[in-house]
C-alpha cells in the first residue's frame, strides 16, 4: 500500500470514529505537506528525497545544501501559498 493510500485509509477510518489524536493529526498534516513538496520536485529529486516525506523541512535543507535553488523556490511557494 502506498503512503498516500495508507494516509487516506487511516484518516477516514479514524475520522469516522472521531478519535484522531492531536499527534495523529499533526503527523497526517506533516505527511500531506511532505507529499505535496515531493510532488513539485523534478523526478530525480523526488526519488532522492522520498524517504523524507514526513519531514518537509529536511527536504528543503537537502535542496539548499545541494544548491538546487530552482527546486527550493518551488518548495517555498508551497509553504507561503
PDB file of N, CA and C in Angstrom:
ATOM      1  N   UNK A   1       0.857  -1.176   0.000  1.00  0.00           N
ATOM      2  CA  UNK A   1       0.000   0.000   0.000  1.00  0.00           C
ATOM      3  C   UNK A   1       0.902   1.237   0.000  1.00  0.00           C
ATOM      4  N   UNK A   2       0.655   2.165  -0.902  1.00  0.00           N
ATOM      5  CA  UNK A   2       1.466   3.378  -0.944  1.00  0.00           C
ATOM      6  C   UNK A   2       1.154   4.257   0.255  1.00  0.00           C
ATOM      7  N   UNK A   3       2.049   5.170   0.512  1.00  0.00           N
ATOM      8  CA  UNK A   3       1.882   6.057   1.662  1.00  0.00           C
ATOM      9  C   UNK A   3       0.599   6.863   1.550  1.00  0.00           C
ATOM     10  N   UNK A   4       0.327   7.404   0.355  1.00  0.00           N
ATOM     11  CA  UNK A   4      -0.868   8.242   0.218  1.00  0.00           C
ATOM     12  C   UNK A   4      -2.145   7.444   0.436  1.00  0.00           C
ATOM     13  N   UNK A   5      -2.177   6.196  -0.039  1.00  0.00           N
ATOM     14  CA  UNK A   5      -3.351   5.351   0.183  1.00  0.00           C
ATOM     15  C   UNK A   5      -3.473   5.030   1.666  1.00  0.00           C
ATOM     16  N   UNK A   6      -2.351   4.716   2.300  1.00  0.00           N
ATOM     17  CA  UNK A   6      -2.357   4.434   3.735  1.00  0.00           C
ATOM     18  C   UNK A   6      -2.905   5.630   4.506  1.00  0.00           C
ATOM     19  N   UNK A   7      -2.438   6.831   4.154  1.00  0.00           N
ATOM     20  CA  UNK A   7      -2.903   8.036   4.830  1.00  0.00           C
ATOM     21  C   UNK A   7      -4.405   8.215   4.693  1.00  0.00           C
ATOM     22  N   UNK A   8      -4.906   8.029   3.480  1.00  0.00           N
ATOM     23  CA  UNK A   8      -6.336   8.189   3.248  1.00  0.00           C
ATOM     24  C   UNK A   8      -7.149   7.190   4.053  1.00  0.00           C
ATOM     25  N   UNK A   9      -6.746   5.931   4.012  1.00  0.00           N
ATOM     26  CA  UNK A   9      -7.475   4.891   4.751  1.00  0.00           C
ATOM     27  C   UNK A   9      -7.425   5.183   6.247  1.00  0.00           C
ATOM     28  N   UNK A  10      -6.232   5.474   6.755  1.00  0.00           N
ATOM     29  CA  UNK A  10      -6.075   5.749   8.183  1.00  0.00           C
ATOM     30  C   UNK A  10      -6.924   6.955   8.596  1.00  0.00           C
ATOM     31  N   UNK A  11      -6.835   8.027   7.814  1.00  0.00           N
ATOM     32  CA  UNK A  11      -7.562   9.243   8.147  1.00  0.00           C
ATOM     33  C   UNK A  11      -9.066   9.018   8.152  1.00  0.00           C
ATOM     34  N   UNK A  12      -9.573   8.385   7.099  1.00  0.00           N
ATOM     35  CA  UNK A  12     -11.027   8.208   7.007  1.00  0.00           C
ATOM     36  C   UNK A  12     -11.555   7.236   8.056  1.00  0.00           C
ATOM     37  N   UNK A  13     -10.806   6.178   8.360  1.00  0.00           N
ATOM     38  CA  UNK A  13     -11.259   5.260   9.402  1.00  0.00           C
ATOM     39  C   UNK A  13     -11.281   5.948  10.753  1.00  0.00           C
ATOM     40  N   UNK A  14     -10.234   6.679  11.064  1.00  0.00           N
ATOM     41  CA  UNK A  14     -10.177   7.374  12.345  1.00  0.00           C
ATOM     42  C   UNK A  14     -11.196   8.504  12.396  1.00  0.00           C
ATOM     43  N   UNK A  15     -11.376   9.186  11.290  1.00  0.00           N
ATOM     44  CA  UNK A  15     -12.308  10.310  11.248  1.00  0.00           C
ATOM     45  C   UNK A  15     -13.735   9.838  11.509  1.00  0.00           C
ATOM     46  N   UNK A  16     -14.078   8.676  10.948  1.00  0.00           N
ATOM     47  CA  UNK A  16     -15.426   8.131  11.164  1.00  0.00           C
ATOM     48  C   UNK A  16     -15.678   7.857  12.635  1.00  0.00           C
ATOM     49  N   UNK A  17     -14.638   7.371  13.324  1.00  0.00           N
ATOM     50  CA  UNK A  17     -14.783   7.059  14.738  1.00  0.00           C
ATOM     51  C   UNK A  17     -14.655   8.312  15.602  1.00  0.00           C
ATOM     52  N   UNK A  18     -14.098   9.363  15.020  1.00  0.00           N
ATOM     53  CA  UNK A  18     -13.951  10.616  15.758  1.00  0.00           C
ATOM     54  C   UNK A  18     -12.884  10.577  16.827  1.00  0.00           C
ATOM     55  N   UNK A  19     -11.868   9.750  16.636  1.00  0.00           N
ATOM     56  CA  UNK A  19     -10.866   9.650  17.688  1.00  0.00           C
ATOM     57  C   UNK A  19      -9.438   9.870  17.198  1.00  0.00           C
ATOM     58  N   UNK A  20      -9.263  10.814  16.289  1.00  0.00           N
ATOM     59  CA  UNK A  20      -7.915  11.194  15.879  1.00  0.00           C
ATOM     60  C   UNK A  20      -7.285  12.019  16.995  1.00  0.00           C
ATOM     61  N   UNK A  21      -6.131  11.590  17.435  1.00  0.00           N
ATOM     62  CA  UNK A  21      -5.428  12.360  18.460  1.00  0.00           C
ATOM     63  C   UNK A  21      -4.725  13.544  17.816  1.00  0.00           C
ATOM     64  N   UNK A  22      -4.303  14.494  18.628  1.00  0.00           N
ATOM     65  CA  UNK A  22      -3.574  15.654  18.113  1.00  0.00           C
ATOM     66  C   UNK A  22      -2.273  15.223  17.451  1.00  0.00           C
ATOM     67  N   UNK A  23      -1.628  14.211  18.001  1.00  0.00           N
ATOM     68  CA  UNK A  23      -0.377  13.697  17.423  1.00  0.00           C
ATOM     69  C   UNK A  23      -0.649  13.100  16.047  1.00  0.00           C
ATOM     70  N   UNK A  24      -1.735  12.341  15.910  1.00  0.00           N
ATOM     71  CA  UNK A  24      -2.076  11.749  14.613  1.00  0.00           C
ATOM     72  C   UNK A  24      -2.421  12.817  13.588  1.00  0.00           C
ATOM     73  N   UNK A  25      -3.151  13.820  14.005  1.00  0.00           N
ATOM     74  CA  UNK A  25      -3.492  14.917  13.096  1.00  0.00           C
ATOM     75  C   UNK A  25      -2.223  15.639  12.651  1.00  0.00           C
ATOM     76  N   UNK A  26      -1.327  15.901  13.571  1.00  0.00           N
ATOM     77  CA  UNK A  26      -0.073  16.567  13.241  1.00  0.00           C
ATOM     78  C   UNK A  26       0.752  15.729  12.272  1.00  0.00           C
ATOM     79  N   UNK A  27       0.818  14.436  12.532  1.00  0.00           N
ATOM     80  CA  UNK A  27       1.586  13.547  11.658  1.00  0.00           C
ATOM     81  C   UNK A  27       0.966  13.468  10.262  1.00  0.00           C
ATOM     82  N   UNK A  28      -0.351  13.373  10.184  1.00  0.00           N
ATOM     83  CA  UNK A  28      -1.025  13.351   8.886  1.00  0.00           C
ATOM     84  C   UNK A  28      -0.797  14.651   8.122  1.00  0.00           C
ATOM     85  N   UNK A  29      -0.844  15.767   8.816  1.00  0.00           N
ATOM     86  CA  UNK A  29      -0.589  17.053   8.175  1.00  0.00           C
ATOM     87  C   UNK A  29       0.843  17.138   7.669  1.00  0.00           C
ATOM     88  N   UNK A  30       1.794  16.622   8.455  1.00  0.00           N
ATOM     89  CA  UNK A  30       3.193  16.619   8.041  1.00  0.00           C
ATOM     90  C   UNK A  30       3.394  15.741   6.814  1.00  0.00           C
ATOM     91  N   UNK A  31       2.787  14.554   6.821  1.00  0.00           N
ATOM     92  CA  UNK A  31       2.874  13.658   5.654  1.00  0.00           C
ATOM     93  C   UNK A  31       2.276  14.329   4.429  1.00  0.00           C
ATOM     94  N   UNK A  32       1.121  14.951   4.604  1.00  0.00           N
ATOM     95  CA  UNK A  32       0.459  15.598   3.470  1.00  0.00           C
ATOM     96  C   UNK A  32       1.330  16.709   2.892  1.00  0.00           C
ATOM     97  N   UNK A  33       1.913  17.514   3.751  1.00  0.00           N
ATOM     98  CA  UNK A  33       2.780  18.585   3.278  1.00  0.00           C
ATOM     99  C   UNK A  33       4.027  18.006   2.610  1.00  0.00           C
ATOM    100  N   UNK A  34       4.604  16.978   3.207  1.00  0.00           N
ATOM    101  CA  UNK A  34       5.775  16.331   2.615  1.00  0.00           C
ATOM    102  C   UNK A  34       5.483  15.773   1.241  1.00  0.00           C
ATOM    103  N   UNK A  35       4.320  15.166   1.077  1.00  0.00           N
ATOM    104  CA  UNK A  35       3.938  14.626  -0.236  1.00  0.00           C
ATOM    105  C   UNK A  35       3.690  15.742  -1.240  1.00  0.00           C
ATOM    106  N   UNK A  36       3.128  16.850  -0.782  1.00  0.00           N
ATOM    107  CA  UNK A  36       2.932  17.999  -1.677  1.00  0.00           C
ATOM    108  C   UNK A  36       4.273  18.558  -2.118  1.00  0.00           C
ATOM    109  N   UNK A  37       5.220  18.634  -1.191  1.00  0.00           N
ATOM    110  CA  UNK A  37       6.560  19.129  -1.529  1.00  0.00           C
ATOM    111  C   UNK A  37       7.210  18.206  -2.544  1.00  0.00           C
ATOM    112  N   UNK A  38       7.149  16.910  -2.301  1.00  0.00           N
ATOM    113  CA  UNK A  38       7.744  15.960  -3.242  1.00  0.00           C
ATOM    114  C   UNK A  38       7.111  16.051  -4.620  1.00  0.00           C
ATOM    115  N   UNK A  39       5.829  16.293  -4.666  1.00  0.00           N
ATOM    116  CA  UNK A  39       5.109  16.321  -5.941  1.00  0.00           C
ATOM    117  C   UNK A  39       5.592  17.428  -6.871  1.00  0.00           C
ATOM    118  N   UNK A  40       6.084  18.537  -6.328  1.00  0.00           N
ATOM    119  CA  UNK A  40       6.523  19.636  -7.194  1.00  0.00           C
ATOM    120  C   UNK A  40       7.973  19.504  -7.633  1.00  0.00           C
ATOM    121  N   UNK A  41       8.702  18.563  -7.046  1.00  0.00           N
ATOM    122  CA  UNK A  41      10.116  18.409  -7.391  1.00  0.00           C
ATOM    123  C   UNK A  41      10.278  17.610  -8.679  1.00  0.00           C
ATOM    124  N   UNK A  42      11.377  17.848  -9.390  1.00  0.00           N
ATOM    125  CA  UNK A  42      11.678  17.005 -10.547  1.00  0.00           C
ATOM    126  C   UNK A  42      11.880  15.554 -10.094  1.00  0.00           C
ATOM    127  N   UNK A  43      11.608  14.621 -10.974  1.00  0.00           N
ATOM    128  CA  UNK A  43      11.640  13.195 -10.633  1.00  0.00           C
ATOM    129  C   UNK A  43      12.920  12.745  -9.922  1.00  0.00           C
ATOM    130  N   UNK A  44      14.107  13.136 -10.393  1.00  0.00           N
ATOM    131  CA  UNK A  44      15.298  12.666  -9.669  1.00  0.00           C
ATOM    132  C   UNK A  44      15.324  13.108  -8.209  1.00  0.00           C
ATOM    133  N   UNK A  45      14.838  14.314  -7.938  1.00  0.00           N
ATOM    134  CA  UNK A  45      14.828  14.808  -6.562  1.00  0.00           C
ATOM    135  C   UNK A  45      13.678  14.200  -5.760  1.00  0.00           C
ATOM    136  N   UNK A  46      12.595  13.839  -6.425  1.00  0.00           N
ATOM    137  CA  UNK A  46      11.532  13.095  -5.732  1.00  0.00           C
ATOM    138  C   UNK A  46      12.100  11.779  -5.217  1.00  0.00           C
ATOM    139  N   UNK A  47      12.858  11.105  -6.070  1.00  0.00           N
ATOM    140  CA  UNK A  47      13.429   9.806  -5.690  1.00  0.00           C
ATOM    141  C   UNK A  47      14.458   9.967  -4.581  1.00  0.00           C
ATOM    142  N   UNK A  48      15.296  10.980  -4.674  1.00  0.00           N
ATOM    143  CA  UNK A  48      16.336  11.190  -3.658  1.00  0.00           C
ATOM    144  C   UNK A  48      15.756  11.557  -2.297  1.00  0.00           C
ATOM    145  N   UNK A  49      14.661  12.294  -2.305  1.00  0.00           N
ATOM    146  CA  UNK A  49      14.106  12.813  -1.051  1.00  0.00           C
ATOM    147  C   UNK A  49      12.880  12.046  -0.560  1.00  0.00           C
ATOM    148  N   UNK A  50      12.491  10.988  -1.248  1.00  0.00           N
ATOM    149  CA  UNK A  50      11.236  10.308  -0.902  1.00  0.00           C
ATOM    150  C   UNK A  50      11.209   9.773   0.525  1.00  0.00           C
ATOM    151  N   UNK A  51      12.351   9.388   1.062  1.00  0.00           N
ATOM    152  CA  UNK A  51      12.362   8.866   2.435  1.00  0.00           C
ATOM    153  C   UNK A  51      12.129   9.969   3.472  1.00  0.00           C
ATOM    154  N   UNK A  52      12.183  11.208   3.046  1.00  0.00           N
ATOM    155  CA  UNK A  52      11.968  12.344   3.958  1.00  0.00           C
ATOM    156  C   UNK A  52      10.543  12.867   3.914  1.00  0.00           C
ATOM    157  N   UNK A  53       9.621  12.079   3.355  1.00  0.00           N
ATOM    158  CA  UNK A  53       8.246  12.545   3.160  1.00  0.00           C
ATOM    159  C   UNK A  53       7.573  13.049   4.431  1.00  0.00           C
ATOM    160  N   UNK A  54       8.002  12.578   5.593  1.00  0.00           N
ATOM    161  CA  UNK A  54       7.397  13.037   6.848  1.00  0.00           C
ATOM    162  C   UNK A  54       8.046  14.313   7.365  1.00  0.00           C
ATOM    163  N   UNK A  55       9.119  14.729   6.723  1.00  0.00           N
ATOM    164  CA  UNK A  55       9.890  15.870   7.217  1.00  0.00           C
ATOM    165  C   UNK A  55      10.160  16.874   6.100  1.00  0.00           C
ATOM    166  N   UNK A  56       9.143  17.644   5.719  1.00  0.00           N
ATOM    167  CA  UNK A  56       9.315  18.572   4.598  1.00  0.00           C
ATOM    168  C   UNK A  56      10.442  19.580   4.806  1.00  0.00           C
ATOM    169  N   UNK A  57      10.689  19.965   6.060  1.00  0.00           N
ATOM    170  CA  UNK A  57      11.778  20.919   6.306  1.00  0.00           C
ATOM    171  C   UNK A  57      13.130  20.304   5.961  1.00  0.00           C
ATOM    172  N   UNK A  58      13.280  18.992   6.134  1.00  0.00           N
ATOM    173  CA  UNK A  58      14.533  18.334   5.764  1.00  0.00           C
ATOM    174  C   UNK A  58      14.695  18.254   4.251  1.00  0.00           C
ATOM    175  N   UNK A  59      13.591  18.102   3.534  1.00  0.00           N
ATOM    176  CA  UNK A  59      13.652  18.114   2.071  1.00  0.00           C
ATOM    177  C   UNK A  59      14.209  19.463   1.622  1.00  0.00           C
ATOM    178  N   UNK A  60      13.726  20.530   2.222  1.00  0.00           N
ATOM    179  CA  UNK A  60      14.200  21.870   1.887  1.00  0.00           C
ATOM    180  C   UNK A  60      15.687  22.011   2.194  1.00  0.00           C
ATOM    181  N   UNK A  61      16.116  21.504   3.337  1.00  0.00           N
ATOM    182  CA  UNK A  61      17.532  21.582   3.700  1.00  0.00           C
ATOM    183  C   UNK A  61      18.407  20.833   2.698  1.00  0.00           C
ATOM    184  N   UNK A  62      17.961  19.650   2.275  1.00  0.00           N
ATOM    185  CA  UNK A  62      18.715  18.876   1.293  1.00  0.00           C
ATOM    186  C   UNK A  62      18.836  19.659  -0.010  1.00  0.00           C
ATOM    187  N   UNK A  63      17.740  20.232  -0.451  1.00  0.00           N
ATOM    188  CA  UNK A  63      17.772  21.007  -1.693  1.00  0.00           C
ATOM    189  C   UNK A  63      18.737  22.177  -1.593  1.00  0.00           C
ATOM    190  N   UNK A  64      18.716  22.868  -0.477  1.00  0.00           N
ATOM    191  CA  UNK A  64      19.610  24.012  -0.304  1.00  0.00           C
ATOM    192  C   UNK A  64      21.073  23.574  -0.202  1.00  0.00           C
ATOM    193  N   UNK A  65      21.320  22.499   0.508  1.00  0.00           N
ATOM    194  CA  UNK A  65      22.698  22.008   0.638  1.00  0.00           C
ATOM    195  C   UNK A  65      23.254  21.546  -0.710  1.00  0.00           C
ATOM    196  N   UNK A  66      22.390  21.017  -1.563  1.00  0.00           N
ATOM    197  CA  UNK A  66      22.820  20.540  -2.881  1.00  0.00           C
ATOM    198  C   UNK A  66      22.692  21.622  -3.950  1.00  0.00           C
ATOM    199  N   UNK A  67      22.410  22.845  -3.512  1.00  0.00           N
ATOM    200  CA  UNK A  67      22.321  24.005  -4.404  1.00  0.00           C
ATOM    201  C   UNK A  67      21.281  23.821  -5.511  1.00  0.00           C
ATOM    202  N   UNK A  68      20.169  23.236  -5.146  1.00  0.00           N
ATOM    203  CA  UNK A  68      19.038  23.072  -6.059  1.00  0.00           C
ATOM    204  C   UNK A  68      18.068  24.225  -5.813  1.00  0.00           C
ATOM    205  N   UNK A  69      18.508  25.420  -6.172  1.00  0.00           N
ATOM    206  CA  UNK A  69      17.768  26.621  -5.825  1.00  0.00           C
ATOM    207  C   UNK A  69      16.423  26.726  -6.555  1.00  0.00           C
ATOM    208  N   UNK A  70      16.351  26.264  -7.784  1.00  0.00           N
ATOM    209  CA  UNK A  70      15.072  26.312  -8.504  1.00  0.00           C
ATOM    210  C   UNK A  70      14.044  25.418  -7.810  1.00  0.00           C
ATOM    211  N   UNK A  71      14.461  24.223  -7.421  1.00  0.00           N
ATOM    212  CA  UNK A  71      13.549  23.319  -6.708  1.00  0.00           C
ATOM    213  C   UNK A  71      13.197  23.877  -5.335  1.00  0.00           C
ATOM    214  N   UNK A  72      14.158  24.475  -4.664  1.00  0.00           N
ATOM    215  CA  UNK A  72      13.897  25.074  -3.352  1.00  0.00           C
ATOM    216  C   UNK A  72      12.882  26.210  -3.473  1.00  0.00           C
ATOM    217  N   UNK A  73      12.957  26.953  -4.569  1.00  0.00           N
ATOM    218  CA  UNK A  73      11.987  28.023  -4.812  1.00  0.00           C
ATOM    219  C   UNK A  73      10.579  27.449  -4.946  1.00  0.00           C
ATOM    220  N   UNK A  74      10.452  26.342  -5.658  1.00  0.00           N
ATOM    221  CA  UNK A  74       9.139  25.699  -5.792  1.00  0.00           C
ATOM    222  C   UNK A  74       8.589  25.298  -4.423  1.00  0.00           C
ATOM    223  N   UNK A  75       9.459  24.779  -3.574  1.00  0.00           N
ATOM    224  CA  UNK A  75       9.037  24.347  -2.241  1.00  0.00           C
ATOM    225  C   UNK A  75       8.589  25.549  -1.418  1.00  0.00           C
ATOM    226  N   UNK A  76       9.305  26.651  -1.495  1.00  0.00           N
ATOM    227  CA  UNK A  76       8.900  27.825  -0.717  1.00  0.00           C
ATOM    228  C   UNK A  76       7.555  28.357  -1.190  1.00  0.00           C
ATOM    229  N   UNK A  77       7.252  28.192  -2.469  1.00  0.00           N
ATOM    230  CA  UNK A  77       5.941  28.608  -2.953  1.00  0.00           C
ATOM    231  C   UNK A  77       4.832  27.801  -2.275  1.00  0.00           C
ATOM    232  N   UNK A  78       5.079  26.536  -1.997  1.00  0.00           N
ATOM    233  CA  UNK A  78       4.088  25.723  -1.280  1.00  0.00           C
ATOM    234  C   UNK A  78       3.918  26.232   0.144  1.00  0.00           C
ATOM    235  N   UNK A  79       5.018  26.535   0.806  1.00  0.00           N
ATOM    236  CA  UNK A  79       4.947  26.979   2.190  1.00  0.00           C
ATOM    237  C   UNK A  79       4.228  28.308   2.333  1.00  0.00           C
ATOM    238  N   UNK A  80       4.371  29.201   1.365  1.00  0.00           N
ATOM    239  CA  UNK A  80       3.841  30.546   1.504  1.00  0.00           C
ATOM    240  C   UNK A  80       2.567  30.787   0.716  1.00  0.00           C
ATOM    241  N   UNK A  81       2.007  29.765   0.098  1.00  0.00           N
ATOM    242  CA  UNK A  81       0.739  29.916  -0.632  1.00  0.00           C
ATOM    243  C   UNK A  81      -0.415  29.412   0.178  1.00  0.00           C
TER     244      UNK A  81
END
